[in-house]
Amino acid sequence: MRRVEAEHLWPDAVAAALSRFKWAFKEPGRYLTGPAESPGIEIEDGRDDLEVALLYLPTGARADLGRLVERIDVEFERRTLPNPGWVSEWTAGRWWWWRIRER
């Protein structure tokens, strides 16, 4: 798995990632988009940031964020489809990149 160091997260990275999912999940249906002001930024990028934060947070904060991430993962999985044909070394260990968002 690609290891990203904590210094690659900027201030408010967790808040921005959570906001990205909140934006995407407010729309009905399976097609998930990110905020219009962030073209080219996939919501999966936000999930990457949350994963990095979980690696470096202290125990209590990690548990709190972990509960939010679990809810995000359940909703993301519910609203996407598996794509077993597309797995790369870059996505190894990051199941959220192996999902298909329908239009």
PDB file of N, CA and C in Angstrom:
ATOM      1  N   MET A   1       0.842  -1.186   0.000  1.00  0.00           N
ATOM      2  CA  MET A   1       0.000   0.000   0.000  1.00  0.00           C
ATOM      3  C   MET A   1       0.880   1.239   0.000  1.00  0.00           C
ATOM      4  N   ARG A   2       0.490   2.195  -0.771  1.00  0.00           N
ATOM      5  CA  ARG A   2       1.208   3.470  -0.829  1.00  0.00           C
ATOM      6  C   ARG A   2       1.095   4.136   0.529  1.00  0.00           C
ATOM      7  N   ARG A   3       2.205   4.525   1.085  1.00  0.00           N
ATOM      8  CA  ARG A   3       2.210   5.154   2.401  1.00  0.00           C
ATOM      9  C   ARG A   3       2.355   6.657   2.237  1.00  0.00           C
ATOM     10  N   VAL A   4       1.424   7.398   2.754  1.00  0.00           N
ATOM     11  CA  VAL A   4       1.470   8.858   2.708  1.00  0.00           C
ATOM     12  C   VAL A   4       1.752   9.344   4.117  1.00  0.00           C
ATOM     13  N   GLU A   5       2.697  10.210   4.243  1.00  0.00           N
ATOM     14  CA  GLU A   5       3.080  10.706   5.561  1.00  0.00           C
ATOM     15  C   GLU A   5       2.130  11.800   6.033  1.00  0.00           C
ATOM     16  N   ALA A   6       2.046  11.948   7.336  1.00  0.00           N
ATOM     17  CA  ALA A   6       1.132  12.913   7.940  1.00  0.00           C
ATOM     18  C   ALA A   6       1.410  14.340   7.486  1.00  0.00           C
ATOM     19  N   GLU A   7       2.641  14.667   7.160  1.00  0.00           N
ATOM     20  CA  GLU A   7       2.925  16.044   6.763  1.00  0.00           C
ATOM     21  C   GLU A   7       2.293  16.389   5.413  1.00  0.00           C
ATOM     22  N   HIS A   8       1.777  15.397   4.685  1.00  0.00           N
ATOM     23  CA  HIS A   8       1.080  15.677   3.431  1.00  0.00           C
ATOM     24  C   HIS A   8      -0.365  16.112   3.664  1.00  0.00           C
ATOM     25  N   LEU A   9      -0.831  16.024   4.892  1.00  0.00           N
ATOM     26  CA  LEU A   9      -2.165  16.541   5.211  1.00  0.00           C
ATOM     27  C   LEU A   9      -2.027  18.005   5.605  1.00  0.00           C
ATOM     28  N   TRP A  10      -2.895  18.820   5.124  1.00  0.00           N
ATOM     29  CA  TRP A  10      -2.860  20.244   5.423  1.00  0.00           C
ATOM     30  C   TRP A  10      -3.829  20.529   6.565  1.00  0.00           C
ATOM     31  N   PRO A  11      -3.738  21.692   7.169  1.00  0.00           N
ATOM     32  CA  PRO A  11      -4.721  22.045   8.199  1.00  0.00           C
ATOM     33  C   PRO A  11      -6.129  21.949   7.609  1.00  0.00           C
ATOM     34  N   ASP A  12      -7.043  21.410   8.358  1.00  0.00           N
ATOM     35  CA  ASP A  12      -8.437  21.227   7.959  1.00  0.00           C
ATOM     36  C   ASP A  12      -8.644  20.154   6.889  1.00  0.00           C
ATOM     37  N   ALA A  13      -7.649  19.295   6.651  1.00  0.00           N
ATOM     38  CA  ALA A  13      -7.794  18.233   5.645  1.00  0.00           C
ATOM     39  C   ALA A  13      -8.917  17.277   6.013  1.00  0.00           C
ATOM     40  N   VAL A  14      -9.049  16.954   7.286  1.00  0.00           N
ATOM     41  CA  VAL A  14     -10.113  16.040   7.712  1.00  0.00           C
ATOM     42  C   VAL A  14     -11.471  16.700   7.516  1.00  0.00           C
ATOM     43  N   ALA A  15     -11.590  17.954   7.906  1.00  0.00           N
ATOM     44  CA  ALA A  15     -12.853  18.670   7.723  1.00  0.00           C
ATOM     45  C   ALA A  15     -13.216  18.765   6.244  1.00  0.00           C
ATOM     46  N   ALA A  16     -12.240  19.027   5.399  1.00  0.00           N
ATOM     47  CA  ALA A  16     -12.494  19.113   3.956  1.00  0.00           C
ATOM     48  C   ALA A  16     -12.947  17.761   3.404  1.00  0.00           C
ATOM     49  N   ALA A  17     -12.321  16.684   3.859  1.00  0.00           N
ATOM     50  CA  ALA A  17     -12.701  15.347   3.392  1.00  0.00           C
ATOM     51  C   ALA A  17     -14.116  14.997   3.838  1.00  0.00           C
ATOM     52  N   LEU A  18     -14.433  15.279   5.081  1.00  0.00           N
ATOM     53  CA  LEU A  18     -15.783  15.003   5.580  1.00  0.00           C
ATOM     54  C   LEU A  18     -16.815  15.835   4.827  1.00  0.00           C
ATOM     55  N   SER A  19     -16.467  17.078   4.543  1.00  0.00           N
ATOM     56  CA  SER A  19     -17.358  17.954   3.790  1.00  0.00           C
ATOM     57  C   SER A  19     -17.601  17.413   2.385  1.00  0.00           C
ATOM     58  N   ARG A  20     -16.573  16.850   1.782  1.00  0.00           N
ATOM     59  CA  ARG A  20     -16.700  16.294   0.439  1.00  0.00           C
ATOM     60  C   ARG A  20     -17.730  15.156   0.420  1.00  0.00           C
ATOM     61  N   PHE A  21     -17.688  14.293   1.433  1.00  0.00           N
ATOM     62  CA  PHE A  21     -18.661  13.205   1.507  1.00  0.00           C
ATOM     63  C   PHE A  21     -20.055  13.720   1.831  1.00  0.00           C
ATOM     64  N   LYS A  22     -20.141  14.706   2.706  1.00  0.00           N
ATOM     65  CA  LYS A  22     -21.449  15.282   3.030  1.00  0.00           C
ATOM     66  C   LYS A  22     -22.097  15.834   1.765  1.00  0.00           C
ATOM     67  N   TRP A  23     -21.330  16.533   0.966  1.00  0.00           N
ATOM     68  CA  TRP A  23     -21.814  17.100  -0.288  1.00  0.00           C
ATOM     69  C   TRP A  23     -22.288  15.991  -1.220  1.00  0.00           C
ATOM     70  N   ALA A  24     -21.471  14.963  -1.398  1.00  0.00           N
ATOM     71  CA  ALA A  24     -21.793  13.883  -2.328  1.00  0.00           C
ATOM     72  C   ALA A  24     -23.017  13.099  -1.877  1.00  0.00           C
ATOM     73  N   PHE A  25     -23.131  12.853  -0.584  1.00  0.00           N
ATOM     74  CA  PHE A  25     -24.215  12.013  -0.081  1.00  0.00           C
ATOM     75  C   PHE A  25     -25.557  12.733  -0.007  1.00  0.00           C
ATOM     76  N   LYS A  26     -25.565  14.057  -0.133  1.00  0.00           N
ATOM     77  CA  LYS A  26     -26.848  14.760  -0.042  1.00  0.00           C
ATOM     78  C   LYS A  26     -27.673  14.571  -1.306  1.00  0.00           C
ATOM     79  N   GLU A  27     -27.019  14.207  -2.411  1.00  0.00           N
ATOM     80  CA  GLU A  27     -27.719  13.985  -3.668  1.00  0.00           C
ATOM     81  C   GLU A  27     -28.286  12.568  -3.697  1.00  0.00           C
ATOM     82  N   PRO A  28     -29.481  12.384  -4.274  1.00  0.00           N
ATOM     83  CA  PRO A  28     -30.047  11.036  -4.366  1.00  0.00           C
ATOM     84  C   PRO A  28     -29.356  10.222  -5.456  1.00  0.00           C
ATOM     85  N   GLY A  29     -29.515   8.932  -5.387  1.00  0.00           N
ATOM     86  CA  GLY A  29     -29.014   8.050  -6.436  1.00  0.00           C
ATOM     87  C   GLY A  29     -27.598   7.588  -6.205  1.00  0.00           C
ATOM     88  N   ARG A  30     -27.106   6.849  -7.171  1.00  0.00           N
ATOM     89  CA  ARG A  30     -25.786   6.242  -7.053  1.00  0.00           C
ATOM     90  C   ARG A  30     -24.662   7.120  -7.571  1.00  0.00           C
ATOM     91  N   TYR A  31     -24.955   8.087  -8.422  1.00  0.00           N
ATOM     92  CA  TYR A  31     -23.874   8.890  -8.959  1.00  0.00           C
ATOM     93  C   TYR A  31     -23.431   9.908  -7.919  1.00  0.00           C
ATOM     94  N   LEU A  32     -22.204   9.803  -7.515  1.00  0.00           N
ATOM     95  CA  LEU A  32     -21.663  10.665  -6.467  1.00  0.00           C
ATOM     96  C   LEU A  32     -20.671  11.629  -7.081  1.00  0.00           C
ATOM     97  N   THR A  33     -20.892  12.900  -6.845  1.00  0.00           N
ATOM     98  CA  THR A  33     -19.956  13.909  -7.333  1.00  0.00           C
ATOM     99  C   THR A  33     -19.412  14.684  -6.145  1.00  0.00           C
ATOM    100  N   GLY A  34     -18.336  15.382  -6.393  1.00  0.00           N
ATOM    101  CA  GLY A  34     -17.791  16.253  -5.370  1.00  0.00           C
ATOM    102  C   GLY A  34     -18.336  17.655  -5.533  1.00  0.00           C
ATOM    103  N   PRO A  35     -17.949  18.551  -4.657  1.00  0.00           N
ATOM    104  CA  PRO A  35     -18.405  19.943  -4.754  1.00  0.00           C
ATOM    105  C   PRO A  35     -18.001  20.564  -6.089  1.00  0.00           C
ATOM    106  N   ALA A  36     -18.854  21.388  -6.631  1.00  0.00           N
ATOM    107  CA  ALA A  36     -18.594  22.016  -7.928  1.00  0.00           C
ATOM    108  C   ALA A  36     -17.341  22.887  -7.901  1.00  0.00           C
ATOM    109  N   GLU A  37     -17.008  23.412  -6.747  1.00  0.00           N
ATOM    110  CA  GLU A  37     -15.833  24.289  -6.681  1.00  0.00           C
ATOM    111  C   GLU A  37     -14.522  23.507  -6.681  1.00  0.00           C
ATOM    112  N   SER A  38     -14.590  22.178  -6.722  1.00  0.00           N
ATOM    113  CA  SER A  38     -13.392  21.345  -6.718  1.00  0.00           C
ATOM    114  C   SER A  38     -13.371  20.402  -7.921  1.00  0.00           C
ATOM    115  N   PRO A  39     -13.406  20.906  -9.143  1.00  0.00           N
ATOM    116  CA  PRO A  39     -13.414  20.007 -10.296  1.00  0.00           C
ATOM    117  C   PRO A  39     -12.139  19.175 -10.342  1.00  0.00           C
ATOM    118  N   GLY A  40     -12.312  17.915 -10.687  1.00  0.00           N
ATOM    119  CA  GLY A  40     -11.164  17.015 -10.769  1.00  0.00           C
ATOM    120  C   GLY A  40     -10.801  16.367  -9.453  1.00  0.00           C
ATOM    121  N   ILE A  41     -11.403  16.800  -8.380  1.00  0.00           N
ATOM    122  CA  ILE A  41     -11.147  16.196  -7.081  1.00  0.00           C
ATOM    123  C   ILE A  41     -12.220  15.146  -6.848  1.00  0.00           C
ATOM    124  N   GLU A  42     -11.812  13.911  -6.764  1.00  0.00           N
ATOM    125  CA  GLU A  42     -12.749  12.816  -6.550  1.00  0.00           C
ATOM    126  C   GLU A  42     -13.017  12.655  -5.058  1.00  0.00           C
ATOM    127  N   ILE A  43     -14.196  12.167  -4.722  1.00  0.00           N
ATOM    128  CA  ILE A  43     -14.473  11.943  -3.305  1.00  0.00           C
ATOM    129  C   ILE A  43     -13.569  10.850  -2.742  1.00  0.00           C
ATOM    130  N   GLU A  44     -13.070   9.974  -3.602  1.00  0.00           N
ATOM    131  CA  GLU A  44     -12.119   8.957  -3.142  1.00  0.00           C
ATOM    132  C   GLU A  44     -10.839   9.590  -2.600  1.00  0.00           C
ATOM    133  N   ASP A  45     -10.465  10.750  -3.136  1.00  0.00           N
ATOM    134  CA  ASP A  45      -9.307  11.470  -2.608  1.00  0.00           C
ATOM    135  C   ASP A  45      -9.538  11.845  -1.145  1.00  0.00           C
ATOM    136  N   GLY A  46     -10.768  12.235  -0.830  1.00  0.00           N
ATOM    137  CA  GLY A  46     -11.108  12.548   0.558  1.00  0.00           C
ATOM    138  C   GLY A  46     -10.986  11.324   1.451  1.00  0.00           C
ATOM    139  N   ARG A  47     -11.369  10.159   0.927  1.00  0.00           N
ATOM    140  CA  ARG A  47     -11.251   8.930   1.715  1.00  0.00           C
ATOM    141  C   ARG A  47      -9.783   8.599   1.969  1.00  0.00           C
ATOM    142  N   ASP A  48      -8.924   8.889   0.979  1.00  0.00           N
ATOM    143  CA  ASP A  48      -7.481   8.719   1.179  1.00  0.00           C
ATOM    144  C   ASP A  48      -6.999   9.587   2.339  1.00  0.00           C
ATOM    145  N   ASP A  49      -7.440  10.836   2.373  1.00  0.00           N
ATOM    146  CA  ASP A  49      -7.026  11.749   3.441  1.00  0.00           C
ATOM    147  C   ASP A  49      -7.486  11.247   4.805  1.00  0.00           C
ATOM    148  N   LEU A  50      -8.702  10.728   4.864  1.00  0.00           N
ATOM    149  CA  LEU A  50      -9.204  10.198   6.138  1.00  0.00           C
ATOM    150  C   LEU A  50      -8.375   8.995   6.588  1.00  0.00           C
ATOM    151  N   GLU A  51      -7.980   8.164   5.639  1.00  0.00           N
ATOM    152  CA  GLU A  51      -7.161   6.995   5.977  1.00  0.00           C
ATOM    153  C   GLU A  51      -5.820   7.413   6.568  1.00  0.00           C
ATOM    154  N   VAL A  52      -5.212   8.432   5.981  1.00  0.00           N
ATOM    155  CA  VAL A  52      -3.935   8.935   6.509  1.00  0.00           C
ATOM    156  C   VAL A  52      -4.135   9.511   7.906  1.00  0.00           C
ATOM    157  N   ALA A  53      -5.178  10.290   8.085  1.00  0.00           N
ATOM    158  CA  ALA A  53      -5.449  10.880   9.401  1.00  0.00           C
ATOM    159  C   ALA A  53      -5.628   9.786  10.447  1.00  0.00           C
ATOM    160  N   LEU A  54      -6.317   8.706  10.103  1.00  0.00           N
ATOM    161  CA  LEU A  54      -6.528   7.612  11.056  1.00  0.00           C
ATOM    162  C   LEU A  54      -5.209   6.981  11.496  1.00  0.00           C
ATOM    163  N   LEU A  55      -4.215   7.021  10.636  1.00  0.00           N
ATOM    164  CA  LEU A  55      -2.913   6.450  10.995  1.00  0.00           C
ATOM    165  C   LEU A  55      -2.181   7.270  12.057  1.00  0.00           C
ATOM    166  N   TYR A  56      -2.417   8.570  12.094  1.00  0.00           N
ATOM    167  CA  TYR A  56      -1.609   9.454  12.920  1.00  0.00           C
ATOM    168  C   TYR A  56      -2.326  10.101  14.091  1.00  0.00           C
ATOM    169  N   LEU A  57      -3.637   9.977  14.163  1.00  0.00           N
ATOM    170  CA  LEU A  57      -4.369  10.601  15.270  1.00  0.00           C
ATOM    171  C   LEU A  57      -4.134   9.864  16.580  1.00  0.00           C
ATOM    172  N   PRO A  58      -4.224  10.564  17.705  1.00  0.00           N
ATOM    173  CA  PRO A  58      -4.167   9.891  18.998  1.00  0.00           C
ATOM    174  C   PRO A  58      -5.386   8.976  19.170  1.00  0.00           C
ATOM    175  N   THR A  59      -5.303   8.061  20.078  1.00  0.00           N
ATOM    176  CA  THR A  59      -6.289   6.996  20.250  1.00  0.00           C
ATOM    177  C   THR A  59      -7.730   7.485  20.303  1.00  0.00           C
ATOM    178  N   GLY A  60      -8.046   8.435  21.144  1.00  0.00           N
ATOM    179  CA  GLY A  60      -9.430   8.901  21.281  1.00  0.00           C
ATOM    180  C   GLY A  60      -9.958   9.532  20.014  1.00  0.00           C
ATOM    181  N   ALA A  61      -9.168  10.407  19.413  1.00  0.00           N
ATOM    182  CA  ALA A  61      -9.584  11.068  18.173  1.00  0.00           C
ATOM    183  C   ALA A  61      -9.691  10.059  17.041  1.00  0.00           C
ATOM    184  N   ARG A  62      -8.783   9.081  17.017  1.00  0.00           N
ATOM    185  CA  ARG A  62      -8.834   8.037  15.989  1.00  0.00           C
ATOM    186  C   ARG A  62     -10.131   7.238  16.103  1.00  0.00           C
ATOM    187  N   ALA A  63     -10.535   6.920  17.328  1.00  0.00           N
ATOM    188  CA  ALA A  63     -11.793   6.174  17.532  1.00  0.00           C
ATOM    189  C   ALA A  63     -12.990   6.999  17.066  1.00  0.00           C
ATOM    190  N   ASP A  64     -13.000   8.287  17.400  1.00  0.00           N
ATOM    191  CA  ASP A  64     -14.111   9.156  16.982  1.00  0.00           C
ATOM    192  C   ASP A  64     -14.189   9.255  15.455  1.00  0.00           C
ATOM    193  N   LEU A  65     -13.060   9.532  14.830  1.00  0.00           N
ATOM    194  CA  LEU A  65     -13.047   9.634  13.367  1.00  0.00           C
ATOM    195  C   LEU A  65     -13.350   8.273  12.749  1.00  0.00           C
ATOM    196  N   GLY A  66     -12.867   7.221  13.352  1.00  0.00           N
ATOM    197  CA  GLY A  66     -13.124   5.878  12.842  1.00  0.00           C
ATOM    198  C   GLY A  66     -14.614   5.566  12.754  1.00  0.00           C
ATOM    199  N   ARG A  67     -15.371   6.017  13.735  1.00  0.00           N
ATOM    200  CA  ARG A  67     -16.823   5.798  13.691  1.00  0.00           C
ATOM    201  C   ARG A  67     -17.462   6.554  12.525  1.00  0.00           C
ATOM    202  N   LEU A  68     -17.016   7.765  12.283  1.00  0.00           N
ATOM    203  CA  LEU A  68     -17.526   8.525  11.130  1.00  0.00           C
ATOM    204  C   LEU A  68     -17.139   7.852   9.815  1.00  0.00           C
ATOM    205  N   VAL A  69     -15.906   7.388   9.738  1.00  0.00           N
ATOM    206  CA  VAL A  69     -15.424   6.740   8.519  1.00  0.00           C
ATOM    207  C   VAL A  69     -16.202   5.450   8.263  1.00  0.00           C
ATOM    208  N   GLU A  70     -16.527   4.723   9.300  1.00  0.00           N
ATOM    209  CA  GLU A  70     -17.339   3.509   9.125  1.00  0.00           C
ATOM    210  C   GLU A  70     -18.686   3.845   8.489  1.00  0.00           C
ATOM    211  N   ARG A  71     -19.329   4.905   8.948  1.00  0.00           N
ATOM    212  CA  ARG A  71     -20.617   5.312   8.378  1.00  0.00           C
ATOM    213  C   ARG A  71     -20.461   5.776   6.932  1.00  0.00           C
ATOM    214  N   ILE A  72     -19.389   6.501   6.660  1.00  0.00           N
ATOM    215  CA  ILE A  72     -19.098   6.937   5.291  1.00  0.00           C
ATOM    216  C   ILE A  72     -18.901   5.717   4.395  1.00  0.00           C
ATOM    217  N   ASP A  73     -18.119   4.758   4.867  1.00  0.00           N
ATOM    218  CA  ASP A  73     -17.840   3.566   4.065  1.00  0.00           C
ATOM    219  C   ASP A  73     -19.108   2.778   3.746  1.00  0.00           C
ATOM    220  N   VAL A  74     -19.986   2.642   4.726  1.00  0.00           N
ATOM    221  CA  VAL A  74     -21.237   1.918   4.502  1.00  0.00           C
ATOM    222  C   VAL A  74     -22.071   2.617   3.427  1.00  0.00           C
ATOM    223  N   GLU A  75     -22.185   3.924   3.522  1.00  0.00           N
ATOM    224  CA  GLU A  75     -22.976   4.681   2.542  1.00  0.00           C
ATOM    225  C   GLU A  75     -22.306   4.666   1.169  1.00  0.00           C
ATOM    226  N   PHE A  76     -20.996   4.826   1.143  1.00  0.00           N
ATOM    227  CA  PHE A  76     -20.279   4.812  -0.134  1.00  0.00           C
ATOM    228  C   PHE A  76     -20.423   3.450  -0.803  1.00  0.00           C
ATOM    229  N   GLU A  77     -20.285   2.392  -0.046  1.00  0.00           N
ATOM    230  CA  GLU A  77     -20.427   1.050  -0.601  1.00  0.00           C
ATOM    231  C   GLU A  77     -21.863   0.805  -1.080  1.00  0.00           C
ATOM    232  N   ARG A  78     -22.838   1.302  -0.335  1.00  0.00           N
ATOM    233  CA  ARG A  78     -24.244   1.141  -0.717  1.00  0.00           C
ATOM    234  C   ARG A  78     -24.552   1.839  -2.042  1.00  0.00           C
ATOM    235  N   ARG A  79     -23.892   2.954  -2.281  1.00  0.00           N
ATOM    236  CA  ARG A  79     -24.223   3.778  -3.450  1.00  0.00           C
ATOM    237  C   ARG A  79     -23.290   3.577  -4.634  1.00  0.00           C
ATOM    238  N   THR A  80     -22.412   2.584  -4.544  1.00  0.00           N
ATOM    239  CA  THR A  80     -21.511   2.277  -5.650  1.00  0.00           C
ATOM    240  C   THR A  80     -21.566   0.780  -5.934  1.00  0.00           C
ATOM    241  N   LEU A  81     -20.938   0.388  -7.025  1.00  0.00           N
ATOM    242  CA  LEU A  81     -20.888  -1.012  -7.418  1.00  0.00           C
ATOM    243  C   LEU A  81     -19.442  -1.496  -7.447  1.00  0.00           C
ATOM    244  N   PRO A  82     -19.228  -2.788  -7.216  1.00  0.00           N
ATOM    245  CA  PRO A  82     -17.853  -3.302  -7.282  1.00  0.00           C
ATOM    246  C   PRO A  82     -17.308  -3.255  -8.704  1.00  0.00           C
ATOM    247  N   ASN A  83     -16.047  -3.047  -8.823  1.00  0.00           N
ATOM    248  CA  ASN A  83     -15.357  -3.073 -10.103  1.00  0.00           C
ATOM    249  C   ASN A  83     -14.161  -4.015  -9.970  1.00  0.00           C
ATOM    250  N   PRO A  84     -14.394  -5.319  -9.951  1.00  0.00           N
ATOM    251  CA  PRO A  84     -13.309  -6.260  -9.701  1.00  0.00           C
ATOM    252  C   PRO A  84     -12.265  -6.295 -10.800  1.00  0.00           C
ATOM    253  N   GLY A  85     -12.579  -5.748 -11.958  1.00  0.00           N
ATOM    254  CA  GLY A  85     -11.633  -5.766 -13.063  1.00  0.00           C
ATOM    255  C   GLY A  85     -10.562  -4.701 -12.984  1.00  0.00           C
ATOM    256  N   TRP A  86     -10.702  -3.749 -12.082  1.00  0.00           N
ATOM    257  CA  TRP A  86      -9.748  -2.641 -12.045  1.00  0.00           C
ATOM    258  C   TRP A  86      -9.100  -2.540 -10.669  1.00  0.00           C
ATOM    259  N   VAL A  87      -7.977  -3.187 -10.523  1.00  0.00           N
ATOM    260  CA  VAL A  87      -7.200  -3.090  -9.298  1.00  0.00           C
ATOM    261  C   VAL A  87      -5.758  -2.855  -9.730  1.00  0.00           C
ATOM    262  N   SER A  88      -5.154  -1.849  -9.187  1.00  0.00           N
ATOM    263  CA  SER A  88      -3.770  -1.557  -9.540  1.00  0.00           C
ATOM    264  C   SER A  88      -2.925  -1.520  -8.279  1.00  0.00           C
ATOM    265  N   GLU A  89      -1.638  -1.490  -8.480  1.00  0.00           N
ATOM    266  CA  GLU A  89      -0.729  -1.378  -7.336  1.00  0.00           C
ATOM    267  C   GLU A  89      -1.001  -0.089  -6.568  1.00  0.00           C
ATOM    268  N   TRP A  90      -1.353   0.966  -7.295  1.00  0.00           N
ATOM    269  CA  TRP A  90      -1.631   2.261  -6.671  1.00  0.00           C
ATOM    270  C   TRP A  90      -2.843   2.190  -5.746  1.00  0.00           C
ATOM    271  N   THR A  91      -3.837   1.356  -6.093  1.00  0.00           N
ATOM    272  CA  THR A  91      -5.048   1.262  -5.286  1.00  0.00           C
ATOM    273  C   THR A  91      -5.020   0.110  -4.287  1.00  0.00           C
ATOM    274  N   ALA A  92      -3.959  -0.645  -4.252  1.00  0.00           N
ATOM    275  CA  ALA A  92      -3.883  -1.799  -3.352  1.00  0.00           C
ATOM    276  C   ALA A  92      -4.164  -1.364  -1.916  1.00  0.00           C
ATOM    277  N   GLY A  93      -5.106  -2.071  -1.275  1.00  0.00           N
ATOM    278  CA  GLY A  93      -5.469  -1.764   0.105  1.00  0.00           C
ATOM    279  C   GLY A  93      -6.470  -0.642   0.254  1.00  0.00           C
ATOM    280  N   ARG A  94      -6.869  -0.023  -0.838  1.00  0.00           N
ATOM    281  CA  ARG A  94      -7.819   1.091  -0.775  1.00  0.00           C
ATOM    282  C   ARG A  94      -9.055   0.713  -1.590  1.00  0.00           C
ATOM    283  N   TRP A  95      -9.932  -0.064  -0.969  1.00  0.00           N
ATOM    284  CA  TRP A  95     -11.100  -0.622  -1.658  1.00  0.00           C
ATOM    285  C   TRP A  95     -11.987   0.455  -2.272  1.00  0.00           C
ATOM    286  N   TRP A  96     -12.001   1.648  -1.707  1.00  0.00           N
ATOM    287  CA  TRP A  96     -12.901   2.701  -2.209  1.00  0.00           C
ATOM    288  C   TRP A  96     -12.551   3.122  -3.631  1.00  0.00           C
ATOM    289  N   TRP A  97     -11.344   2.855  -4.089  1.00  0.00           N
ATOM    290  CA  TRP A  97     -10.989   3.158  -5.482  1.00  0.00           C
ATOM    291  C   TRP A  97     -11.424   2.039  -6.426  1.00  0.00           C
ATOM    292  N   TRP A  98     -11.891   0.909  -5.895  1.00  0.00           N
ATOM    293  CA  TRP A  98     -12.302  -0.226  -6.727  1.00  0.00           C
ATOM    294  C   TRP A  98     -13.800  -0.220  -6.956  1.00  0.00           C
ATOM    295  N   ARG A  99     -14.463   0.876  -6.698  1.00  0.00           N
ATOM    296  CA  ARG A  99     -15.917   0.959  -6.830  1.00  0.00           C
ATOM    297  C   ARG A  99     -16.283   1.784  -8.060  1.00  0.00           C
ATOM    298  N   ILE A 100     -17.450   1.503  -8.626  1.00  0.00           N
ATOM    299  CA  ILE A 100     -17.951   2.220  -9.793  1.00  0.00           C
ATOM    300  C   ILE A 100     -19.101   3.118  -9.351  1.00  0.00           C
ATOM    301  N   ARG A 101     -19.034   4.374  -9.753  1.00  0.00           N
ATOM    302  CA  ARG A 101     -20.133   5.306  -9.511  1.00  0.00           C
ATOM    303  C   ARG A 101     -20.933   5.402 -10.783  1.00  0.00           C
ATOM    304  N   GLU A 102     -22.210   5.107 -10.712  1.00  0.00           N
ATOM    305  CA  GLU A 102     -23.087   5.141 -11.886  1.00  0.00           C
ATOM    306  C   GLU A 102     -23.552   6.562 -12.180  1.00  0.00           C
ATOM    307  N   ARG A 103     -23.839   6.808 -13.413  1.00  0.00           N
ATOM    308  CA  ARG A 103     -24.472   8.066 -13.817  1.00  0.00           C
ATOM    309  C   ARG A 103     -25.928   7.860 -13.952  1.00  0.00           C
TER     310      ARG A 103
END
